[in-house]
Amino acid sequence: MFRFSPRAGLLALILRSGVGVTSAAILAAGCSKEADGTLILGNGEVVVSGTIVRQETAASYNEPFLPGEGSHVVISFRRIGAAADSAPSFEADAPASALPIPFEVRGRASEIFPDAGSPLQVSAAVYAHAGLELQVGDLASEETYTLAKAGDRLDVQVLGLEPCSAVGSAGPCVTEP
């Protein structure tokens, strides 16, 4: 595993597997955040983009998102299909204080999507605190979303996590210690 962090604790790009051209292009550029809050992975042309948005349902925890010290978002891109072994999966971890969170993956389309059989599955978690253990009030995607080709754009919906012990708990939940 390789971890790139331009300034420790601020932004990180983590390579989960593979050592292909895609990893080199994205890791060389790293991860940054623009003034408008857009999370940028890589550099060059925008290959795919999207927004992390909050979804409220009758079964989800719908209290306001209250970011604390160290609040951050982790967005994961996992390679599936024919290129799963040869092209990397990667994650970005960046400070987050409000939603929606727009994101862009930049670089060469031919490197991010080496062939038609190598889509990316995308998921996200927004933590109201430092650390990577999901807690009540954090937000997480309940499903994965697929980016299949250059030019794709998607909304990654995240839901509030309630305690699994809550009376009538029917949505995404976490077990409290």
N, C-alpha and C. Protein backbone atom coordinates (compact mmCIF):
# COMPACT_ATOMS: atom_id res chain seq x y z
N MET A 1 0.85 -1.17 0.00
CA MET A 1 0.00 0.00 0.00
C MET A 1 0.90 1.24 0.00
N PHE A 2 0.51 2.25 -0.75
CA PHE A 2 1.25 3.50 -0.85
C PHE A 2 0.34 4.60 -0.35
N ARG A 3 0.84 5.52 0.44
CA ARG A 3 0.04 6.64 0.93
C ARG A 3 0.73 7.92 0.51
N PHE A 4 0.00 8.78 -0.20
CA PHE A 4 0.52 10.07 -0.62
C PHE A 4 -0.16 11.13 0.22
N SER A 5 0.59 12.00 0.83
CA SER A 5 0.00 13.08 1.61
C SER A 5 0.84 14.33 1.45
N PRO A 6 0.35 15.33 0.69
CA PRO A 6 1.12 16.55 0.50
C PRO A 6 1.43 17.25 1.82
N ARG A 7 0.50 17.23 2.73
CA ARG A 7 0.69 17.78 4.07
C ARG A 7 -0.02 16.83 5.02
N ALA A 8 0.74 16.19 5.86
CA ALA A 8 0.18 15.16 6.74
C ALA A 8 -1.11 15.64 7.39
N GLY A 9 -2.12 14.81 7.33
CA GLY A 9 -3.38 15.11 7.97
C GLY A 9 -4.33 15.95 7.15
N LEU A 10 -3.88 16.51 6.03
CA LEU A 10 -4.78 17.36 5.24
C LEU A 10 -5.47 16.58 4.14
N LEU A 11 -4.72 16.08 3.20
CA LEU A 11 -5.29 15.34 2.08
C LEU A 11 -4.44 14.11 1.85
N ALA A 12 -5.08 13.01 1.55
CA ALA A 12 -4.32 11.79 1.30
C ALA A 12 -4.92 11.04 0.14
N LEU A 13 -4.08 10.42 -0.63
CA LEU A 13 -4.51 9.54 -1.69
C LEU A 13 -3.85 8.20 -1.41
N ILE A 14 -4.64 7.15 -1.32
CA ILE A 14 -4.14 5.86 -0.90
C ILE A 14 -4.32 4.85 -2.02
N LEU A 15 -3.25 4.22 -2.42
CA LEU A 15 -3.31 3.17 -3.44
C LEU A 15 -3.57 1.86 -2.73
N ARG A 16 -4.62 1.15 -3.15
CA ARG A 16 -4.98 -0.10 -2.51
C ARG A 16 -4.39 -1.33 -3.18
N SER A 17 -4.24 -1.31 -4.50
CA SER A 17 -3.66 -2.47 -5.18
C SER A 17 -3.16 -2.05 -6.54
N GLY A 18 -2.24 -2.80 -7.07
CA GLY A 18 -1.74 -2.53 -8.41
C GLY A 18 -0.64 -1.49 -8.43
N VAL A 19 0.11 -1.49 -9.50
CA VAL A 19 1.19 -0.54 -9.66
C VAL A 19 1.24 -0.09 -11.10
N GLY A 20 0.09 0.09 -11.73
CA GLY A 20 0.02 0.43 -13.15
C GLY A 20 0.20 1.90 -13.42
N VAL A 21 0.04 2.25 -14.68
CA VAL A 21 0.17 3.64 -15.13
C VAL A 21 -0.85 4.52 -14.43
N THR A 22 -2.05 4.00 -14.21
CA THR A 22 -3.09 4.80 -13.56
C THR A 22 -2.62 5.27 -12.20
N SER A 23 -2.02 4.36 -11.43
CA SER A 23 -1.56 4.75 -10.10
C SER A 23 -0.49 5.82 -10.20
N ALA A 24 0.43 5.68 -11.13
CA ALA A 24 1.50 6.66 -11.26
C ALA A 24 0.93 8.03 -11.60
N ALA A 25 -0.01 8.09 -12.53
CA ALA A 25 -0.58 9.38 -12.95
C ALA A 25 -1.36 10.03 -11.83
N ILE A 26 -2.17 9.28 -11.15
CA ILE A 26 -2.99 9.87 -10.10
C ILE A 26 -2.15 10.18 -8.87
N LEU A 27 -1.27 9.26 -8.48
CA LEU A 27 -0.45 9.50 -7.29
C LEU A 27 0.53 10.64 -7.48
N ALA A 28 1.06 10.79 -8.68
CA ALA A 28 2.00 11.87 -8.93
C ALA A 28 1.33 13.22 -8.70
N ALA A 29 0.07 13.33 -9.08
CA ALA A 29 -0.64 14.59 -8.91
C ALA A 29 -1.23 14.71 -7.52
N GLY A 30 -1.53 13.59 -6.90
CA GLY A 30 -2.08 13.62 -5.55
C GLY A 30 -3.54 14.01 -5.52
N CYS A 31 -3.90 14.60 -4.42
CA CYS A 31 -5.28 14.93 -4.11
C CYS A 31 -5.30 16.36 -3.60
N SER A 32 -6.23 17.16 -4.09
CA SER A 32 -6.31 18.55 -3.64
C SER A 32 -7.77 18.96 -3.54
N LYS A 33 -8.00 20.13 -3.01
CA LYS A 33 -9.34 20.66 -2.88
C LYS A 33 -9.35 22.08 -3.43
N GLU A 34 -10.30 22.37 -4.32
CA GLU A 34 -10.39 23.70 -4.89
C GLU A 34 -11.16 24.62 -3.94
N ALA A 35 -11.11 25.92 -4.21
CA ALA A 35 -11.77 26.91 -3.36
C ALA A 35 -13.27 26.65 -3.22
N ASP A 36 -13.90 26.08 -4.26
CA ASP A 36 -15.34 25.82 -4.19
C ASP A 36 -15.65 24.50 -3.48
N GLY A 37 -14.60 23.81 -2.96
CA GLY A 37 -14.81 22.58 -2.22
C GLY A 37 -14.70 21.31 -3.05
N THR A 38 -14.46 21.44 -4.36
CA THR A 38 -14.34 20.26 -5.22
C THR A 38 -13.09 19.47 -4.86
N LEU A 39 -13.25 18.18 -4.61
CA LEU A 39 -12.15 17.28 -4.32
C LEU A 39 -11.57 16.83 -5.66
N ILE A 40 -10.28 17.09 -5.89
CA ILE A 40 -9.62 16.80 -7.16
C ILE A 40 -8.63 15.66 -6.96
N LEU A 41 -8.76 14.59 -7.76
CA LEU A 41 -7.82 13.48 -7.74
C LEU A 41 -7.11 13.48 -9.07
N GLY A 42 -5.80 13.61 -9.06
CA GLY A 42 -5.03 13.64 -10.29
C GLY A 42 -4.95 15.04 -10.86
N ASN A 43 -4.47 15.16 -12.12
CA ASN A 43 -4.45 16.46 -12.79
C ASN A 43 -4.66 16.26 -14.28
N GLY A 44 -4.86 17.34 -14.99
CA GLY A 44 -5.13 17.26 -16.43
C GLY A 44 -6.62 17.35 -16.70
N GLU A 45 -7.05 16.66 -17.75
CA GLU A 45 -8.46 16.72 -18.13
C GLU A 45 -9.34 15.97 -17.13
N VAL A 46 -10.57 16.46 -16.97
CA VAL A 46 -11.53 15.78 -16.11
C VAL A 46 -12.02 14.54 -16.85
N VAL A 47 -11.79 13.37 -16.26
CA VAL A 47 -12.20 12.12 -16.89
C VAL A 47 -13.58 11.70 -16.39
N VAL A 48 -13.79 11.73 -15.08
CA VAL A 48 -15.10 11.45 -14.50
C VAL A 48 -15.33 12.41 -13.35
N SER A 49 -16.59 12.64 -13.01
CA SER A 49 -16.89 13.56 -11.92
C SER A 49 -18.17 13.13 -11.24
N GLY A 50 -18.44 13.76 -10.12
CA GLY A 50 -19.66 13.46 -9.40
C GLY A 50 -19.79 14.33 -8.18
N THR A 51 -20.79 14.01 -7.38
CA THR A 51 -21.06 14.74 -6.15
C THR A 51 -21.51 13.77 -5.09
N ILE A 52 -20.98 13.93 -3.89
CA ILE A 52 -21.46 13.16 -2.74
C ILE A 52 -22.59 13.98 -2.13
N VAL A 53 -23.78 13.40 -2.10
CA VAL A 53 -24.97 14.11 -1.62
C VAL A 53 -25.64 13.31 -0.51
N ARG A 54 -26.28 14.01 0.39
CA ARG A 54 -27.00 13.34 1.47
C ARG A 54 -28.40 12.98 1.02
N GLN A 55 -28.78 11.75 1.30
CA GLN A 55 -30.13 11.29 1.05
C GLN A 55 -30.79 11.04 2.40
N GLU A 56 -32.00 11.55 2.56
CA GLU A 56 -32.75 11.29 3.78
C GLU A 56 -33.95 10.42 3.43
N THR A 57 -34.11 9.34 4.18
CA THR A 57 -35.24 8.44 3.96
C THR A 57 -35.95 8.24 5.30
N ALA A 58 -37.10 7.61 5.25
CA ALA A 58 -37.85 7.34 6.48
C ALA A 58 -37.07 6.41 7.40
N ALA A 59 -36.16 5.62 6.85
CA ALA A 59 -35.42 4.64 7.64
C ALA A 59 -34.02 5.10 8.02
N SER A 60 -33.57 6.26 7.54
CA SER A 60 -32.20 6.70 7.85
C SER A 60 -32.20 7.69 9.01
N TYR A 61 -31.01 7.90 9.57
CA TYR A 61 -30.80 8.88 10.64
C TYR A 61 -30.74 10.25 9.97
N ASN A 62 -31.74 11.09 10.23
CA ASN A 62 -31.87 12.34 9.49
C ASN A 62 -31.57 13.60 10.30
N GLU A 63 -30.90 13.41 11.43
CA GLU A 63 -30.49 14.57 12.22
C GLU A 63 -29.42 15.34 11.43
N PRO A 64 -29.24 16.63 11.74
CA PRO A 64 -28.22 17.40 11.01
C PRO A 64 -26.83 16.76 11.13
N PHE A 65 -26.06 16.87 10.05
CA PHE A 65 -24.66 16.41 10.09
C PHE A 65 -23.87 17.45 10.86
N LEU A 66 -23.22 17.04 11.95
CA LEU A 66 -22.49 17.96 12.82
C LEU A 66 -21.00 17.63 12.79
N PRO A 67 -20.28 18.25 11.85
CA PRO A 67 -18.84 17.95 11.75
C PRO A 67 -18.08 18.47 12.96
N GLY A 68 -17.19 17.63 13.47
CA GLY A 68 -16.34 18.02 14.58
C GLY A 68 -14.90 18.13 14.13
N GLU A 69 -14.01 18.24 15.09
CA GLU A 69 -12.60 18.34 14.76
C GLU A 69 -12.15 17.08 14.03
N GLY A 70 -11.49 17.25 12.91
CA GLY A 70 -10.99 16.11 12.15
C GLY A 70 -12.00 15.49 11.21
N SER A 71 -13.18 16.12 11.03
CA SER A 71 -14.18 15.54 10.13
C SER A 71 -13.60 15.44 8.72
N HIS A 72 -13.97 14.35 8.03
CA HIS A 72 -13.38 14.12 6.71
C HIS A 72 -14.25 13.20 5.88
N VAL A 73 -13.95 13.15 4.59
CA VAL A 73 -14.65 12.27 3.65
C VAL A 73 -13.63 11.29 3.08
N VAL A 74 -14.06 10.06 2.91
CA VAL A 74 -13.26 9.06 2.22
C VAL A 74 -14.10 8.58 1.03
N ILE A 75 -13.57 8.78 -0.16
CA ILE A 75 -14.25 8.30 -1.36
C ILE A 75 -13.37 7.22 -1.98
N SER A 76 -13.97 6.06 -2.23
CA SER A 76 -13.24 4.88 -2.71
C SER A 76 -13.59 4.56 -4.14
N PHE A 77 -12.57 4.25 -4.92
CA PHE A 77 -12.72 3.84 -6.31
C PHE A 77 -12.11 2.45 -6.41
N ARG A 78 -12.92 1.45 -6.64
CA ARG A 78 -12.45 0.07 -6.71
C ARG A 78 -12.60 -0.46 -8.13
N ARG A 79 -11.54 -1.00 -8.66
CA ARG A 79 -11.52 -1.53 -10.02
C ARG A 79 -12.26 -2.87 -10.06
N ILE A 80 -13.11 -3.05 -11.05
CA ILE A 80 -13.80 -4.32 -11.26
C ILE A 80 -13.65 -4.73 -12.72
N GLY A 81 -13.92 -5.96 -13.02
CA GLY A 81 -13.88 -6.41 -14.41
C GLY A 81 -12.52 -6.89 -14.84
N ALA A 82 -12.29 -6.86 -16.14
CA ALA A 82 -11.09 -7.44 -16.76
C ALA A 82 -9.79 -6.86 -16.23
N ALA A 83 -9.75 -5.58 -15.89
CA ALA A 83 -8.49 -4.95 -15.48
C ALA A 83 -8.32 -4.92 -13.97
N ALA A 84 -9.13 -5.65 -13.22
CA ALA A 84 -9.09 -5.58 -11.76
C ALA A 84 -7.71 -5.88 -11.19
N ASP A 85 -6.97 -6.78 -11.82
CA ASP A 85 -5.66 -7.14 -11.29
C ASP A 85 -4.53 -6.26 -11.79
N SER A 86 -4.72 -5.62 -12.95
CA SER A 86 -3.62 -4.86 -13.54
C SER A 86 -3.72 -3.36 -13.31
N ALA A 87 -4.90 -2.85 -13.01
CA ALA A 87 -5.07 -1.41 -12.75
C ALA A 87 -5.48 -1.23 -11.30
N PRO A 88 -5.04 -0.17 -10.67
CA PRO A 88 -5.25 -0.02 -9.23
C PRO A 88 -6.64 0.47 -8.85
N SER A 89 -6.94 0.21 -7.59
CA SER A 89 -8.07 0.86 -6.93
C SER A 89 -7.44 1.93 -6.04
N PHE A 90 -8.19 2.98 -5.73
CA PHE A 90 -7.61 4.05 -4.94
C PHE A 90 -8.69 4.74 -4.13
N GLU A 91 -8.27 5.46 -3.10
CA GLU A 91 -9.16 6.22 -2.24
C GLU A 91 -8.61 7.62 -2.06
N ALA A 92 -9.51 8.55 -1.79
CA ALA A 92 -9.10 9.90 -1.41
C ALA A 92 -9.69 10.19 -0.03
N ASP A 93 -8.92 10.84 0.80
CA ASP A 93 -9.35 11.21 2.15
C ASP A 93 -9.07 12.70 2.30
N ALA A 94 -10.12 13.49 2.54
CA ALA A 94 -9.95 14.95 2.61
C ALA A 94 -10.86 15.53 3.67
N PRO A 95 -10.51 16.69 4.22
CA PRO A 95 -11.38 17.34 5.19
C PRO A 95 -12.78 17.58 4.60
N ALA A 96 -13.78 17.50 5.45
CA ALA A 96 -15.16 17.76 5.01
C ALA A 96 -15.92 18.41 6.14
N SER A 97 -16.63 19.47 5.80
CA SER A 97 -17.42 20.14 6.84
C SER A 97 -18.87 20.33 6.42
N ALA A 98 -19.17 20.07 5.16
CA ALA A 98 -20.55 20.24 4.69
C ALA A 98 -20.76 19.43 3.42
N LEU A 99 -22.01 19.17 3.13
CA LEU A 99 -22.38 18.49 1.89
C LEU A 99 -23.22 19.44 1.07
N PRO A 100 -23.29 19.28 -0.23
CA PRO A 100 -22.68 18.24 -1.06
C PRO A 100 -21.18 18.44 -1.23
N ILE A 101 -20.49 17.35 -1.65
CA ILE A 101 -19.05 17.38 -1.90
C ILE A 101 -18.82 16.97 -3.35
N PRO A 102 -18.52 17.93 -4.22
CA PRO A 102 -18.22 17.56 -5.62
C PRO A 102 -16.82 16.96 -5.72
N PHE A 103 -16.63 16.06 -6.69
CA PHE A 103 -15.31 15.47 -6.91
C PHE A 103 -15.05 15.29 -8.40
N GLU A 104 -13.76 15.26 -8.74
CA GLU A 104 -13.33 15.02 -10.12
C GLU A 104 -12.12 14.10 -10.10
N VAL A 105 -12.09 13.14 -11.02
CA VAL A 105 -10.90 12.32 -11.25
C VAL A 105 -10.32 12.82 -12.57
N ARG A 106 -9.08 13.29 -12.51
CA ARG A 106 -8.44 13.87 -13.69
C ARG A 106 -7.27 13.01 -14.15
N GLY A 107 -6.94 13.14 -15.42
CA GLY A 107 -5.82 12.40 -15.97
C GLY A 107 -6.10 12.05 -17.41
N ARG A 108 -5.55 10.94 -17.87
CA ARG A 108 -5.80 10.44 -19.22
C ARG A 108 -6.87 9.36 -19.15
N ALA A 109 -7.89 9.50 -19.95
CA ALA A 109 -8.98 8.52 -19.95
C ALA A 109 -8.45 7.12 -20.22
N SER A 110 -7.47 7.00 -21.11
CA SER A 110 -6.94 5.67 -21.47
C SER A 110 -6.21 5.02 -20.30
N GLU A 111 -5.76 5.80 -19.32
CA GLU A 111 -5.09 5.24 -18.16
C GLU A 111 -6.09 4.90 -17.06
N ILE A 112 -7.13 5.71 -16.91
CA ILE A 112 -8.12 5.46 -15.87
C ILE A 112 -9.07 4.34 -16.28
N PHE A 113 -9.38 4.27 -17.56
CA PHE A 113 -10.20 3.18 -18.11
C PHE A 113 -9.40 2.49 -19.22
N PRO A 114 -8.50 1.57 -18.85
CA PRO A 114 -7.62 0.96 -19.84
C PRO A 114 -8.34 0.15 -20.91
N ASP A 115 -9.53 -0.33 -20.61
CA ASP A 115 -10.33 -1.02 -21.62
C ASP A 115 -11.79 -0.94 -21.20
N ALA A 116 -12.68 -1.33 -22.10
CA ALA A 116 -14.12 -1.21 -21.83
C ALA A 116 -14.57 -2.11 -20.69
N GLY A 117 -13.77 -3.09 -20.33
CA GLY A 117 -14.16 -4.01 -19.28
C GLY A 117 -13.58 -3.69 -17.93
N SER A 118 -13.29 -2.43 -17.66
CA SER A 118 -12.66 -2.09 -16.37
C SER A 118 -13.33 -0.88 -15.70
N PRO A 119 -14.61 -0.99 -15.37
CA PRO A 119 -15.26 0.13 -14.69
C PRO A 119 -14.76 0.29 -13.25
N LEU A 120 -15.11 1.41 -12.66
CA LEU A 120 -14.78 1.69 -11.26
C LEU A 120 -16.06 1.67 -10.44
N GLN A 121 -16.02 1.00 -9.29
CA GLN A 121 -17.13 1.10 -8.35
C GLN A 121 -16.76 2.18 -7.34
N VAL A 122 -17.72 3.04 -7.04
CA VAL A 122 -17.47 4.19 -6.18
C VAL A 122 -18.36 4.10 -4.94
N SER A 123 -17.78 4.37 -3.77
CA SER A 123 -18.54 4.46 -2.54
C SER A 123 -17.91 5.58 -1.70
N ALA A 124 -18.64 6.04 -0.70
CA ALA A 124 -18.13 7.15 0.12
C ALA A 124 -18.62 7.04 1.55
N ALA A 125 -17.84 7.63 2.46
CA ALA A 125 -18.23 7.77 3.85
C ALA A 125 -17.79 9.16 4.30
N VAL A 126 -18.65 9.84 5.04
CA VAL A 126 -18.34 11.16 5.57
C VAL A 126 -18.35 11.04 7.09
N TYR A 127 -17.19 11.25 7.69
CA TYR A 127 -17.02 11.09 9.13
C TYR A 127 -17.11 12.45 9.81
N ALA A 128 -17.87 12.54 10.89
CA ALA A 128 -18.03 13.79 11.63
C ALA A 128 -16.88 13.97 12.63
N HIS A 129 -15.87 13.15 12.55
CA HIS A 129 -14.78 13.09 13.52
C HIS A 129 -13.52 12.58 12.82
N ALA A 130 -12.40 12.63 13.53
CA ALA A 130 -11.17 12.02 13.02
C ALA A 130 -11.31 10.51 13.15
N GLY A 131 -10.56 9.78 12.39
CA GLY A 131 -10.59 8.32 12.48
C GLY A 131 -11.47 7.70 11.41
N LEU A 132 -11.42 6.37 11.34
CA LEU A 132 -12.12 5.66 10.28
C LEU A 132 -13.16 4.66 10.80
N GLU A 133 -13.55 4.78 12.05
CA GLU A 133 -14.60 3.92 12.59
C GLU A 133 -15.93 4.66 12.47
N LEU A 134 -16.86 4.07 11.72
CA LEU A 134 -18.17 4.71 11.55
C LEU A 134 -18.90 4.79 12.88
N GLN A 135 -19.53 5.94 13.13
CA GLN A 135 -20.27 6.18 14.36
C GLN A 135 -21.64 6.74 14.02
N VAL A 136 -22.52 6.75 15.03
CA VAL A 136 -23.85 7.34 14.85
C VAL A 136 -23.69 8.79 14.40
N GLY A 137 -24.43 9.17 13.35
CA GLY A 137 -24.36 10.53 12.82
C GLY A 137 -23.43 10.67 11.63
N ASP A 138 -22.53 9.70 11.43
CA ASP A 138 -21.71 9.71 10.23
C ASP A 138 -22.60 9.37 9.04
N LEU A 139 -22.09 9.60 7.85
CA LEU A 139 -22.86 9.35 6.63
C LEU A 139 -22.09 8.34 5.77
N ALA A 140 -22.81 7.40 5.17
CA ALA A 140 -22.14 6.40 4.33
C ALA A 140 -23.04 5.98 3.19
N SER A 141 -22.42 5.62 2.07
CA SER A 141 -23.21 5.11 0.95
C SER A 141 -23.61 3.67 1.28
N GLU A 142 -24.87 3.37 1.04
CA GLU A 142 -25.38 2.04 1.32
C GLU A 142 -25.16 1.11 0.13
N GLU A 143 -24.90 1.68 -1.02
CA GLU A 143 -24.65 0.90 -2.22
C GLU A 143 -23.41 1.44 -2.91
N THR A 144 -22.91 0.70 -3.89
CA THR A 144 -21.81 1.19 -4.70
C THR A 144 -22.36 1.68 -6.02
N TYR A 145 -21.67 2.62 -6.61
CA TYR A 145 -22.06 3.23 -7.87
C TYR A 145 -20.99 2.91 -8.89
N THR A 146 -21.33 2.86 -10.15
CA THR A 146 -20.37 2.47 -11.18
C THR A 146 -20.08 3.59 -12.16
N LEU A 147 -18.80 3.84 -12.36
CA LEU A 147 -18.32 4.72 -13.42
C LEU A 147 -17.76 3.81 -14.50
N ALA A 148 -18.37 3.80 -15.68
CA ALA A 148 -18.00 2.84 -16.71
C ALA A 148 -17.07 3.39 -17.79
N LYS A 149 -17.11 4.71 -17.99
CA LYS A 149 -16.31 5.27 -19.09
C LYS A 149 -16.02 6.75 -18.84
N ALA A 150 -15.08 7.26 -19.59
CA ALA A 150 -14.74 8.68 -19.50
C ALA A 150 -15.99 9.51 -19.80
N GLY A 151 -16.14 10.59 -19.08
CA GLY A 151 -17.29 11.47 -19.27
C GLY A 151 -18.44 11.16 -18.33
N ASP A 152 -18.38 10.01 -17.65
CA ASP A 152 -19.46 9.67 -16.71
C ASP A 152 -19.49 10.66 -15.56
N ARG A 153 -20.68 10.92 -15.08
CA ARG A 153 -20.91 11.77 -13.91
C ARG A 153 -21.94 11.08 -13.05
N LEU A 154 -21.77 11.10 -11.74
CA LEU A 154 -22.76 10.45 -10.88
C LEU A 154 -22.89 11.15 -9.55
N ASP A 155 -24.03 10.91 -8.91
CA ASP A 155 -24.26 11.35 -7.54
C ASP A 155 -24.10 10.13 -6.64
N VAL A 156 -23.23 10.23 -5.66
CA VAL A 156 -23.05 9.17 -4.67
C VAL A 156 -23.87 9.59 -3.46
N GLN A 157 -24.92 8.84 -3.18
CA GLN A 157 -25.81 9.19 -2.08
C GLN A 157 -25.32 8.55 -0.79
N VAL A 158 -25.26 9.36 0.27
CA VAL A 158 -24.89 8.88 1.59
C VAL A 158 -26.06 9.08 2.54
N LEU A 159 -26.21 8.14 3.46
CA LEU A 159 -27.29 8.16 4.44
C LEU A 159 -26.72 8.29 5.84
N GLY A 160 -27.48 8.92 6.75
CA GLY A 160 -27.07 9.02 8.14
C GLY A 160 -27.15 7.66 8.82
N LEU A 161 -26.16 7.37 9.68
CA LEU A 161 -26.11 6.10 10.39
C LEU A 161 -26.71 6.26 11.78
N GLU A 162 -27.67 5.39 12.10
CA GLU A 162 -28.32 5.41 13.41
C GLU A 162 -27.78 4.27 14.26
N PRO A 163 -28.07 4.29 15.57
CA PRO A 163 -27.65 3.15 16.38
C PRO A 163 -28.51 1.92 16.02
N CYS A 164 -27.88 0.77 15.87
CA CYS A 164 -28.64 -0.44 15.54
C CYS A 164 -29.61 -0.81 16.66
N SER A 165 -29.33 -0.32 17.86
CA SER A 165 -30.20 -0.63 19.01
C SER A 165 -31.42 0.30 19.10
N ALA A 166 -31.51 1.30 18.23
CA ALA A 166 -32.64 2.24 18.28
C ALA A 166 -33.96 1.52 18.01
N VAL A 167 -34.98 1.90 18.75
CA VAL A 167 -36.30 1.31 18.55
C VAL A 167 -36.75 1.60 17.12
N GLY A 168 -37.14 0.57 16.39
CA GLY A 168 -37.60 0.74 15.03
C GLY A 168 -36.49 0.94 14.02
N SER A 169 -35.24 0.68 14.41
CA SER A 169 -34.11 0.84 13.50
C SER A 169 -34.33 -0.01 12.25
N ALA A 170 -34.37 0.66 11.10
CA ALA A 170 -34.61 -0.06 9.84
C ALA A 170 -33.64 0.36 8.75
N GLY A 171 -32.87 1.37 9.00
CA GLY A 171 -31.94 1.88 7.99
C GLY A 171 -30.51 1.48 8.31
N PRO A 172 -29.58 2.12 7.62
CA PRO A 172 -28.18 1.83 7.88
C PRO A 172 -27.83 2.19 9.33
N CYS A 173 -27.11 1.31 9.99
CA CYS A 173 -26.84 1.54 11.42
C CYS A 173 -25.46 1.07 11.80
N VAL A 174 -25.04 1.49 12.98
CA VAL A 174 -23.76 1.06 13.55
C VAL A 174 -24.02 0.55 14.97
N THR A 175 -23.24 -0.42 15.38
CA THR A 175 -23.34 -0.95 16.72
C THR A 175 -22.52 -0.05 17.63
N GLU A 176 -23.14 0.42 18.68
CA GLU A 176 -22.42 1.28 19.62
C GLU A 176 -21.62 0.42 20.60
N PRO A 177 -20.47 0.95 21.06
CA PRO A 177 -19.63 0.17 21.99
C PRO A 177 -20.33 -0.06 23.32
